[in-house]
């Protein structure tokens, strides 16, 4: 399969439950870091670190205006993950037909 370095970054980022929660929340639309942090049992600074980690790994993008940072999903990273999962599933299904 192709881009393993990018996949490794994606899986590393998604290995954390807080980061998965952020991704799930952003599936419903753009959100500010403050909005993301509201239900989480951690400081705004810690949530910001998670947001930066997701951004560094290409899963989300952010834009800051004044003191407000807005986040949104980067669909290309999710497409890469989806392609990898689909490819692995098709390999497994082919194997199952021969068993």
PDB file of N, CA and C in Angstrom:
ATOM      1  N   UNK A   1       0.855  -1.182   0.000  1.00  0.00           N
ATOM      2  CA  UNK A   1       0.000   0.000   0.000  1.00  0.00           C
ATOM      3  C   UNK A   1       0.892   1.233   0.000  1.00  0.00           C
ATOM      4  N   UNK A   2       0.382   2.350  -0.275  1.00  0.00           N
ATOM      5  CA  UNK A   2       1.127   3.558  -0.563  1.00  0.00           C
ATOM      6  C   UNK A   2       1.714   4.326   0.612  1.00  0.00           C
ATOM      7  N   UNK A   3       1.041   5.307   1.107  1.00  0.00           N
ATOM      8  CA  UNK A   3       1.614   6.317   1.980  1.00  0.00           C
ATOM      9  C   UNK A   3       1.591   5.902   3.461  1.00  0.00           C
ATOM     10  N   UNK A   4       2.509   5.023   3.828  1.00  0.00           N
ATOM     11  CA  UNK A   4       2.519   4.524   5.205  1.00  0.00           C
ATOM     12  C   UNK A   4       2.906   5.592   6.217  1.00  0.00           C
ATOM     13  N   UNK A   5       3.773   6.519   5.854  1.00  0.00           N
ATOM     14  CA  UNK A   5       4.172   7.561   6.802  1.00  0.00           C
ATOM     15  C   UNK A   5       2.960   8.391   7.218  1.00  0.00           C
ATOM     16  N   UNK A   6       2.149   8.784   6.248  1.00  0.00           N
ATOM     17  CA  UNK A   6       0.947   9.567   6.564  1.00  0.00           C
ATOM     18  C   UNK A   6      -0.027   8.742   7.404  1.00  0.00           C
ATOM     19  N   UNK A   7      -0.201   7.471   7.050  1.00  0.00           N
ATOM     20  CA  UNK A   7      -1.090   6.603   7.834  1.00  0.00           C
ATOM     21  C   UNK A   7      -0.591   6.442   9.263  1.00  0.00           C
ATOM     22  N   UNK A   8       0.713   6.305   9.429  1.00  0.00           N
ATOM     23  CA  UNK A   8       1.275   6.179  10.775  1.00  0.00           C
ATOM     24  C   UNK A   8       0.946   7.403  11.618  1.00  0.00           C
ATOM     25  N   UNK A   9       1.051   8.593  11.021  1.00  0.00           N
ATOM     26  CA  UNK A   9       0.713   9.827  11.738  1.00  0.00           C
ATOM     27  C   UNK A   9      -0.765   9.845  12.125  1.00  0.00           C
ATOM     28  N   UNK A  10      -1.610   9.417  11.197  1.00  0.00           N
ATOM     29  CA  UNK A  10      -3.051   9.407  11.457  1.00  0.00           C
ATOM     30  C   UNK A  10      -3.384   8.440  12.588  1.00  0.00           C
ATOM     31  N   UNK A  11      -2.863   7.222  12.508  1.00  0.00           N
ATOM     32  CA  UNK A  11      -3.157   6.235  13.555  1.00  0.00           C
ATOM     33  C   UNK A  11      -2.599   6.676  14.905  1.00  0.00           C
ATOM     34  N   UNK A  12      -1.425   7.284  14.904  1.00  0.00           N
ATOM     35  CA  UNK A  12      -0.841   7.769  16.156  1.00  0.00           C
ATOM     36  C   UNK A  12      -1.750   8.829  16.780  1.00  0.00           C
ATOM     37  N   UNK A  13      -2.239   9.728  15.955  1.00  0.00           N
ATOM     38  CA  UNK A  13      -3.121  10.784  16.462  1.00  0.00           C
ATOM     39  C   UNK A  13      -4.433  10.206  16.979  1.00  0.00           C
ATOM     40  N   UNK A  14      -4.981   9.229  16.270  1.00  0.00           N
ATOM     41  CA  UNK A  14      -6.275   8.665  16.650  1.00  0.00           C
ATOM     42  C   UNK A  14      -6.172   7.658  17.788  1.00  0.00           C
ATOM     43  N   UNK A  15      -4.965   7.365  18.230  1.00  0.00           N
ATOM     44  CA  UNK A  15      -4.778   6.456  19.354  1.00  0.00           C
ATOM     45  C   UNK A  15      -5.201   7.062  20.687  1.00  0.00           C
ATOM     46  N   UNK A  16      -5.435   8.354  20.704  1.00  0.00           N
ATOM     47  CA  UNK A  16      -5.823   9.038  21.933  1.00  0.00           C
ATOM     48  C   UNK A  16      -7.335   9.284  21.945  1.00  0.00           C
ATOM     49  N   UNK A  17      -8.037   8.907  23.021  1.00  0.00           N
ATOM     50  CA  UNK A  17      -9.499   9.066  23.050  1.00  0.00           C
ATOM     51  C   UNK A  17      -9.960  10.524  22.964  1.00  0.00           C
ATOM     52  N   UNK A  18      -9.202  11.445  23.522  1.00  0.00           N
ATOM     53  CA  UNK A  18      -9.584  12.860  23.424  1.00  0.00           C
ATOM     54  C   UNK A  18      -9.531  13.321  21.979  1.00  0.00           C
ATOM     55  N   UNK A  19      -8.513  12.902  21.260  1.00  0.00           N
ATOM     56  CA  UNK A  19      -8.393  13.296  19.853  1.00  0.00           C
ATOM     57  C   UNK A  19      -9.490  12.662  19.009  1.00  0.00           C
ATOM     58  N   UNK A  20      -9.851  11.416  19.311  1.00  0.00           N
ATOM     59  CA  UNK A  20     -10.974  10.802  18.593  1.00  0.00           C
ATOM     60  C   UNK A  20     -12.263  11.570  18.874  1.00  0.00           C
ATOM     61  N   UNK A  21     -12.439  11.994  20.113  1.00  0.00           N
ATOM     62  CA  UNK A  21     -13.621  12.786  20.470  1.00  0.00           C
ATOM     63  C   UNK A  21     -13.655  14.090  19.660  1.00  0.00           C
ATOM     64  N   UNK A  22     -12.525  14.741  19.529  1.00  0.00           N
ATOM     65  CA  UNK A  22     -12.459  15.991  18.757  1.00  0.00           C
ATOM     66  C   UNK A  22     -12.838  15.732  17.304  1.00  0.00           C
ATOM     67  N   UNK A  23     -12.314  14.652  16.729  1.00  0.00           N
ATOM     68  CA  UNK A  23     -12.651  14.303  15.340  1.00  0.00           C
ATOM     69  C   UNK A  23     -14.151  14.049  15.219  1.00  0.00           C
ATOM     70  N   UNK A  24     -14.720  13.288  16.142  1.00  0.00           N
ATOM     71  CA  UNK A  24     -16.158  13.003  16.107  1.00  0.00           C
ATOM     72  C   UNK A  24     -16.972  14.290  16.194  1.00  0.00           C
ATOM     73  N   UNK A  25     -16.562  15.196  17.059  1.00  0.00           N
ATOM     74  CA  UNK A  25     -17.267  16.460  17.205  1.00  0.00           C
ATOM     75  C   UNK A  25     -17.190  17.278  15.911  1.00  0.00           C
ATOM     76  N   UNK A  26     -16.024  17.300  15.278  1.00  0.00           N
ATOM     77  CA  UNK A  26     -15.851  18.084  14.055  1.00  0.00           C
ATOM     78  C   UNK A  26     -16.568  17.465  12.859  1.00  0.00           C
ATOM     79  N   UNK A  27     -16.961  16.204  12.968  1.00  0.00           N
ATOM     80  CA  UNK A  27     -17.777  15.604  11.900  1.00  0.00           C
ATOM     81  C   UNK A  27     -19.128  16.306  11.790  1.00  0.00           C
ATOM     82  N   UNK A  28     -19.557  16.949  12.864  1.00  0.00           N
ATOM     83  CA  UNK A  28     -20.822  17.692  12.854  1.00  0.00           C
ATOM     84  C   UNK A  28     -20.647  19.123  12.364  1.00  0.00           C
ATOM     85  N   UNK A  29     -19.412  19.558  12.134  1.00  0.00           N
ATOM     86  CA  UNK A  29     -19.170  20.913  11.632  1.00  0.00           C
ATOM     87  C   UNK A  29     -18.015  21.580  12.351  1.00  0.00           C
ATOM     88  N   UNK A  30     -17.642  22.740  11.852  1.00  0.00           N
ATOM     89  CA  UNK A  30     -16.550  23.507  12.441  1.00  0.00           C
ATOM     90  C   UNK A  30     -16.868  23.837  13.897  1.00  0.00           C
ATOM     91  N   UNK A  31     -15.810  23.994  14.706  1.00  0.00           N
ATOM     92  CA  UNK A  31     -16.010  24.319  16.118  1.00  0.00           C
ATOM     93  C   UNK A  31     -14.800  25.078  16.639  1.00  0.00           C
ATOM     94  N   UNK A  32     -15.040  25.936  17.599  1.00  0.00           N
ATOM     95  CA  UNK A  32     -13.940  26.643  18.244  1.00  0.00           C
ATOM     96  C   UNK A  32     -13.296  25.723  19.282  1.00  0.00           C
ATOM     97  N   UNK A  33     -12.063  26.034  19.637  1.00  0.00           N
ATOM     98  CA  UNK A  33     -11.378  25.245  20.659  1.00  0.00           C
ATOM     99  C   UNK A  33     -12.143  25.336  21.979  1.00  0.00           C
ATOM    100  N   UNK A  34     -12.681  26.499  22.291  1.00  0.00           N
ATOM    101  CA  UNK A  34     -13.466  26.652  23.530  1.00  0.00           C
ATOM    102  C   UNK A  34     -14.692  25.748  23.528  1.00  0.00           C
ATOM    103  N   UNK A  35     -15.372  25.655  22.386  1.00  0.00           N
ATOM    104  CA  UNK A  35     -16.544  24.783  22.279  1.00  0.00           C
ATOM    105  C   UNK A  35     -16.136  23.323  22.441  1.00  0.00           C
ATOM    106  N   UNK A  36     -15.023  22.948  21.826  1.00  0.00           N
ATOM    107  CA  UNK A  36     -14.517  21.574  21.938  1.00  0.00           C
ATOM    108  C   UNK A  36     -14.174  21.257  23.394  1.00  0.00           C
ATOM    109  N   UNK A  37     -13.574  22.225  24.082  1.00  0.00           N
ATOM    110  CA  UNK A  37     -13.095  22.008  25.449  1.00  0.00           C
ATOM    111  C   UNK A  37     -14.219  21.939  26.475  1.00  0.00           C
ATOM    112  N   UNK A  38     -15.346  22.571  26.173  1.00  0.00           N
ATOM    113  CA  UNK A  38     -16.424  22.708  27.153  1.00  0.00           C
ATOM    114  C   UNK A  38     -16.798  21.409  27.872  1.00  0.00           C
ATOM    115  N   UNK A  39     -17.079  20.313  27.163  1.00  0.00           N
ATOM    116  CA  UNK A  39     -17.504  19.098  27.876  1.00  0.00           C
ATOM    117  C   UNK A  39     -16.345  18.231  28.385  1.00  0.00           C
ATOM    118  N   UNK A  40     -15.125  18.588  28.046  1.00  0.00           N
ATOM    119  CA  UNK A  40     -13.989  17.720  28.384  1.00  0.00           C
ATOM    120  C   UNK A  40     -13.458  18.019  29.781  1.00  0.00           C
ATOM    121  N   UNK A  41     -13.020  16.983  30.488  1.00  0.00           N
ATOM    122  CA  UNK A  41     -12.522  17.149  31.854  1.00  0.00           C
ATOM    123  C   UNK A  41     -11.039  17.525  31.893  1.00  0.00           C
ATOM    124  N   UNK A  42     -10.673  18.577  31.148  1.00  0.00           N
ATOM    125  CA  UNK A  42      -9.276  19.020  31.127  1.00  0.00           C
ATOM    126  C   UNK A  42      -9.241  20.505  30.831  1.00  0.00           C
ATOM    127  N   UNK A  43      -8.087  21.093  31.021  1.00  0.00           N
ATOM    128  CA  UNK A  43      -7.943  22.529  30.813  1.00  0.00           C
ATOM    129  C   UNK A  43      -8.005  22.883  29.327  1.00  0.00           C
ATOM    130  N   UNK A  44      -8.299  24.139  29.063  1.00  0.00           N
ATOM    131  CA  UNK A  44      -8.301  24.644  27.695  1.00  0.00           C
ATOM    132  C   UNK A  44      -6.913  24.483  27.075  1.00  0.00           C
ATOM    133  N   UNK A  45      -5.872  24.687  27.870  1.00  0.00           N
ATOM    134  CA  UNK A  45      -4.502  24.530  27.368  1.00  0.00           C
ATOM    135  C   UNK A  45      -4.244  23.098  26.904  1.00  0.00           C
ATOM    136  N   UNK A  46      -4.743  22.122  27.644  1.00  0.00           N
ATOM    137  CA  UNK A  46      -4.545  20.720  27.262  1.00  0.00           C
ATOM    138  C   UNK A  46      -5.324  20.395  25.988  1.00  0.00           C
ATOM    139  N   UNK A  47      -6.543  20.896  25.872  1.00  0.00           N
ATOM    140  CA  UNK A  47      -7.325  20.680  24.653  1.00  0.00           C
ATOM    141  C   UNK A  47      -6.603  21.312  23.467  1.00  0.00           C
ATOM    142  N   UNK A  48      -6.046  22.489  23.662  1.00  0.00           N
ATOM    143  CA  UNK A  48      -5.293  23.162  22.595  1.00  0.00           C
ATOM    144  C   UNK A  48      -4.112  22.310  22.145  1.00  0.00           C
ATOM    145  N   UNK A  49      -3.448  21.652  23.059  1.00  0.00           N
ATOM    146  CA  UNK A  49      -2.344  20.747  22.683  1.00  0.00           C
ATOM    147  C   UNK A  49      -2.846  19.603  21.805  1.00  0.00           C
ATOM    148  N   UNK A  50      -3.993  19.040  22.166  1.00  0.00           N
ATOM    149  CA  UNK A  50      -4.575  17.968  21.351  1.00  0.00           C
ATOM    150  C   UNK A  50      -4.946  18.487  19.959  1.00  0.00           C
ATOM    151  N   UNK A  51      -5.511  19.679  19.906  1.00  0.00           N
ATOM    152  CA  UNK A  51      -5.866  20.288  18.618  1.00  0.00           C
ATOM    153  C   UNK A  51      -4.614  20.472  17.768  1.00  0.00           C
ATOM    154  N   UNK A  52      -3.546  20.987  18.365  1.00  0.00           N
ATOM    155  CA  UNK A  52      -2.295  21.176  17.618  1.00  0.00           C
ATOM    156  C   UNK A  52      -1.733  19.837  17.130  1.00  0.00           C
ATOM    157  N   UNK A  53      -1.847  18.800  17.949  1.00  0.00           N
ATOM    158  CA  UNK A  53      -1.359  17.473  17.535  1.00  0.00           C
ATOM    159  C   UNK A  53      -2.140  16.967  16.328  1.00  0.00           C
ATOM    160  N   UNK A  54      -3.452  17.150  16.339  1.00  0.00           N
ATOM    161  CA  UNK A  54      -4.275  16.730  15.196  1.00  0.00           C
ATOM    162  C   UNK A  54      -3.941  17.551  13.955  1.00  0.00           C
ATOM    163  N   UNK A  55      -3.677  18.823  14.159  1.00  0.00           N
ATOM    164  CA  UNK A  55      -3.336  19.682  13.023  1.00  0.00           C
ATOM    165  C   UNK A  55      -1.966  19.313  12.445  1.00  0.00           C
ATOM    166  N   UNK A  56      -0.989  19.074  13.302  1.00  0.00           N
ATOM    167  CA  UNK A  56       0.351  18.672  12.828  1.00  0.00           C
ATOM    168  C   UNK A  56       0.294  17.391  12.012  1.00  0.00           C
ATOM    169  N   UNK A  57      -0.617  16.504  12.363  1.00  0.00           N
ATOM    170  CA  UNK A  57      -0.725  15.222  11.660  1.00  0.00           C
ATOM    171  C   UNK A  57      -1.693  15.279  10.484  1.00  0.00           C
ATOM    172  N   UNK A  58      -2.200  16.473  10.188  1.00  0.00           N
ATOM    173  CA  UNK A  58      -2.995  16.674   8.990  1.00  0.00           C
ATOM    174  C   UNK A  58      -4.446  16.252   9.072  1.00  0.00           C
ATOM    175  N   UNK A  59      -4.945  15.960  10.268  1.00  0.00           N
ATOM    176  CA  UNK A  59      -6.339  15.529  10.403  1.00  0.00           C
ATOM    177  C   UNK A  59      -7.324  16.687  10.469  1.00  0.00           C
ATOM    178  N   UNK A  60      -6.865  17.816  10.978  1.00  0.00           N
ATOM    179  CA  UNK A  60      -7.728  18.992  11.041  1.00  0.00           C
ATOM    180  C   UNK A  60      -6.936  20.213  10.593  1.00  0.00           C
ATOM    181  N   UNK A  61      -7.649  21.284  10.346  1.00  0.00           N
ATOM    182  CA  UNK A  61      -7.061  22.591  10.064  1.00  0.00           C
ATOM    183  C   UNK A  61      -7.667  23.571  11.059  1.00  0.00           C
ATOM    184  N   UNK A  62      -6.939  24.647  11.333  1.00  0.00           N
ATOM    185  CA  UNK A  62      -7.461  25.679  12.224  1.00  0.00           C
ATOM    186  C   UNK A  62      -7.159  27.050  11.641  1.00  0.00           C
ATOM    187  N   UNK A  63      -7.922  28.016  12.130  1.00  0.00           N
ATOM    188  CA  UNK A  63      -7.702  29.408  11.755  1.00  0.00           C
ATOM    189  C   UNK A  63      -8.000  30.250  12.986  1.00  0.00           C
ATOM    190  N   UNK A  64      -7.102  31.185  13.278  1.00  0.00           N
ATOM    191  CA  UNK A  64      -7.274  32.007  14.470  1.00  0.00           C
ATOM    192  C   UNK A  64      -7.580  33.448  14.067  1.00  0.00           C
ATOM    193  N   UNK A  65      -8.643  33.974  14.641  1.00  0.00           N
ATOM    194  CA  UNK A  65      -8.987  35.385  14.484  1.00  0.00           C
ATOM    195  C   UNK A  65      -9.074  35.958  15.892  1.00  0.00           C
ATOM    196  N   UNK A  66      -8.176  36.863  16.195  1.00  0.00           N
ATOM    197  CA  UNK A  66      -8.116  37.399  17.559  1.00  0.00           C
ATOM    198  C   UNK A  66      -7.753  36.294  18.523  1.00  0.00           C
ATOM    199  N   UNK A  67      -8.619  36.072  19.493  1.00  0.00           N
ATOM    200  CA  UNK A  67      -8.363  35.023  20.487  1.00  0.00           C
ATOM    201  C   UNK A  67      -9.142  33.746  20.206  1.00  0.00           C
ATOM    202  N   UNK A  68      -9.853  33.706  19.088  1.00  0.00           N
ATOM    203  CA  UNK A  68     -10.723  32.562  18.780  1.00  0.00           C
ATOM    204  C   UNK A  68     -10.102  31.706  17.683  1.00  0.00           C
ATOM    205  N   UNK A  69      -9.846  30.443  18.013  1.00  0.00           N
ATOM    206  CA  UNK A  69      -9.318  29.487  17.035  1.00  0.00           C
ATOM    207  C   UNK A  69     -10.447  28.538  16.642  1.00  0.00           C
ATOM    208  N   UNK A  70     -10.737  28.506  15.336  1.00  0.00           N
ATOM    209  CA  UNK A  70     -11.778  27.631  14.800  1.00  0.00           C
ATOM    210  C   UNK A  70     -11.125  26.434  14.126  1.00  0.00           C
ATOM    211  N   UNK A  71     -11.712  25.265  14.314  1.00  0.00           N
ATOM    212  CA  UNK A  71     -11.167  24.008  13.789  1.00  0.00           C
ATOM    213  C   UNK A  71     -12.155  23.384  12.809  1.00  0.00           C
ATOM    214  N   UNK A  72     -11.627  22.674  11.818  1.00  0.00           N
ATOM    215  CA  UNK A  72     -12.455  21.893  10.905  1.00  0.00           C
ATOM    216  C   UNK A  72     -11.667  20.684  10.438  1.00  0.00           C
ATOM    217  N   UNK A  73     -12.385  19.684   9.973  1.00  0.00           N
ATOM    218  CA  UNK A  73     -11.756  18.447   9.504  1.00  0.00           C
ATOM    219  C   UNK A  73     -11.016  18.670   8.201  1.00  0.00           C
ATOM    220  N   UNK A  74      -9.956  17.920   8.015  1.00  0.00           N
ATOM    221  CA  UNK A  74      -9.230  17.877   6.744  1.00  0.00           C
ATOM    222  C   UNK A  74      -9.651  16.577   6.067  1.00  0.00           C
ATOM    223  N   UNK A  75     -10.543  16.643   5.081  1.00  0.00           N
ATOM    224  CA  UNK A  75     -11.113  15.419   4.511  1.00  0.00           C
ATOM    225  C   UNK A  75     -10.093  14.502   3.838  1.00  0.00           C
ATOM    226  N   UNK A  76      -8.994  15.029   3.346  1.00  0.00           N
ATOM    227  CA  UNK A  76      -8.009  14.185   2.664  1.00  0.00           C
ATOM    228  C   UNK A  76      -7.427  13.136   3.609  1.00  0.00           C
ATOM    229  N   UNK A  77      -7.174  13.516   4.851  1.00  0.00           N
ATOM    230  CA  UNK A  77      -6.637  12.551   5.823  1.00  0.00           C
ATOM    231  C   UNK A  77      -7.647  11.441   6.084  1.00  0.00           C
ATOM    232  N   UNK A  78      -8.912  11.802   6.187  1.00  0.00           N
ATOM    233  CA  UNK A  78      -9.940  10.783   6.410  1.00  0.00           C
ATOM    234  C   UNK A  78     -10.096   9.890   5.184  1.00  0.00           C
ATOM    235  N   UNK A  79      -9.939  10.467   3.988  1.00  0.00           N
ATOM    236  CA  UNK A  79      -9.998   9.651   2.767  1.00  0.00           C
ATOM    237  C   UNK A  79      -8.859   8.634   2.732  1.00  0.00           C
ATOM    238  N   UNK A  80      -7.670   9.075   3.120  1.00  0.00           N
ATOM    239  CA  UNK A  80      -6.518   8.173   3.146  1.00  0.00           C
ATOM    240  C   UNK A  80      -6.776   7.010   4.098  1.00  0.00           C
ATOM    241  N   UNK A  81      -7.305   7.308   5.263  1.00  0.00           N
ATOM    242  CA  UNK A  81      -7.636   6.275   6.246  1.00  0.00           C
ATOM    243  C   UNK A  81      -8.717   5.343   5.704  1.00  0.00           C
ATOM    244  N   UNK A  82      -9.737   5.912   5.095  1.00  0.00           N
ATOM    245  CA  UNK A  82     -10.823   5.111   4.533  1.00  0.00           C
ATOM    246  C   UNK A  82     -10.314   4.183   3.426  1.00  0.00           C
ATOM    247  N   UNK A  83      -9.452   4.688   2.558  1.00  0.00           N
ATOM    248  CA  UNK A  83      -8.889   3.860   1.482  1.00  0.00           C
ATOM    249  C   UNK A  83      -8.104   2.686   2.052  1.00  0.00           C
ATOM    250  N   UNK A  84      -7.309   2.946   3.087  1.00  0.00           N
ATOM    251  CA  UNK A  84      -6.505   1.892   3.684  1.00  0.00           C
ATOM    252  C   UNK A  84      -7.406   0.809   4.287  1.00  0.00           C
ATOM    253  N   UNK A  85      -8.428   1.230   5.027  1.00  0.00           N
ATOM    254  CA  UNK A  85      -9.348   0.266   5.644  1.00  0.00           C
ATOM    255  C   UNK A  85     -10.078  -0.528   4.563  1.00  0.00           C
ATOM    256  N   UNK A  86     -10.543   0.144   3.525  1.00  0.00           N
ATOM    257  CA  UNK A  86     -11.256  -0.536   2.438  1.00  0.00           C
ATOM    258  C   UNK A  86     -10.338  -1.558   1.757  1.00  0.00           C
ATOM    259  N   UNK A  87      -9.088  -1.182   1.519  1.00  0.00           N
ATOM    260  CA  UNK A  87      -8.131  -2.088   0.881  1.00  0.00           C
ATOM    261  C   UNK A  87      -7.888  -3.321   1.758  1.00  0.00           C
ATOM    262  N   UNK A  88      -7.698  -3.119   3.055  1.00  0.00           N
ATOM    263  CA  UNK A  88      -7.458  -4.241   3.966  1.00  0.00           C
ATOM    264  C   UNK A  88      -8.680  -5.153   4.033  1.00  0.00           C
ATOM    265  N   UNK A  89      -9.854  -4.553   4.027  1.00  0.00           N
ATOM    266  CA  UNK A  89     -11.077  -5.359   4.060  1.00  0.00           C
ATOM    267  C   UNK A  89     -11.208  -6.204   2.797  1.00  0.00           C
ATOM    268  N   UNK A  90     -10.916  -5.630   1.641  1.00  0.00           N
ATOM    269  CA  UNK A  90     -11.028  -6.398   0.393  1.00  0.00           C
ATOM    270  C   UNK A  90     -10.022  -7.549   0.374  1.00  0.00           C
ATOM    271  N   UNK A  91      -8.829  -7.326   0.910  1.00  0.00           N
ATOM    272  CA  UNK A  91      -7.839  -8.409   1.006  1.00  0.00           C
ATOM    273  C   UNK A  91      -8.363  -9.524   1.897  1.00  0.00           C
ATOM    274  N   UNK A  92      -8.930  -9.153   3.042  1.00  0.00           N
ATOM    275  CA  UNK A  92      -9.458 -10.142   3.976  1.00  0.00           C
ATOM    276  C   UNK A  92     -10.611 -10.915   3.336  1.00  0.00           C
ATOM    277  N   UNK A  93     -11.510 -10.207   2.641  1.00  0.00           N
ATOM    278  CA  UNK A  93     -12.646 -10.877   2.000  1.00  0.00           C
ATOM    279  C   UNK A  93     -12.179 -11.843   0.913  1.00  0.00           C
ATOM    280  N   UNK A  94     -11.161 -11.461   0.140  1.00  0.00           N
ATOM    281  CA  UNK A  94     -10.615 -12.385  -0.869  1.00  0.00           C
ATOM    282  C   UNK A  94     -10.043 -13.622  -0.199  1.00  0.00           C
ATOM    283  N   UNK A  95      -9.352 -13.423   0.892  1.00  0.00           N
ATOM    284  CA  UNK A  95      -8.778 -14.548   1.634  1.00  0.00           C
ATOM    285  C   UNK A  95      -9.884 -15.472   2.150  1.00  0.00           C
ATOM    286  N   UNK A  96     -10.955 -14.904   2.672  1.00  0.00           N
ATOM    287  CA  UNK A  96     -12.055 -15.700   3.218  1.00  0.00           C
ATOM    288  C   UNK A  96     -12.736 -16.545   2.147  1.00  0.00           C
ATOM    289  N   UNK A  97     -12.788 -16.048   0.929  1.00  0.00           N
ATOM    290  CA  UNK A  97     -13.399 -16.819  -0.160  1.00  0.00           C
ATOM    291  C   UNK A  97     -12.571 -18.056  -0.503  1.00  0.00           C
ATOM    292  N   UNK A  98     -11.274 -18.007  -0.223  1.00  0.00           N
ATOM    293  CA  UNK A  98     -10.391 -19.126  -0.553  1.00  0.00           C
ATOM    294  C   UNK A  98     -10.190 -20.088   0.608  1.00  0.00           C
ATOM    295  N   UNK A  99     -10.772 -19.792   1.727  1.00  0.00           N
ATOM    296  CA  UNK A  99     -10.609 -20.654   2.910  1.00  0.00           C
ATOM    297  C   UNK A  99     -11.669 -21.725   2.914  1.00  0.00           C
TER     298      UNK A  99
END
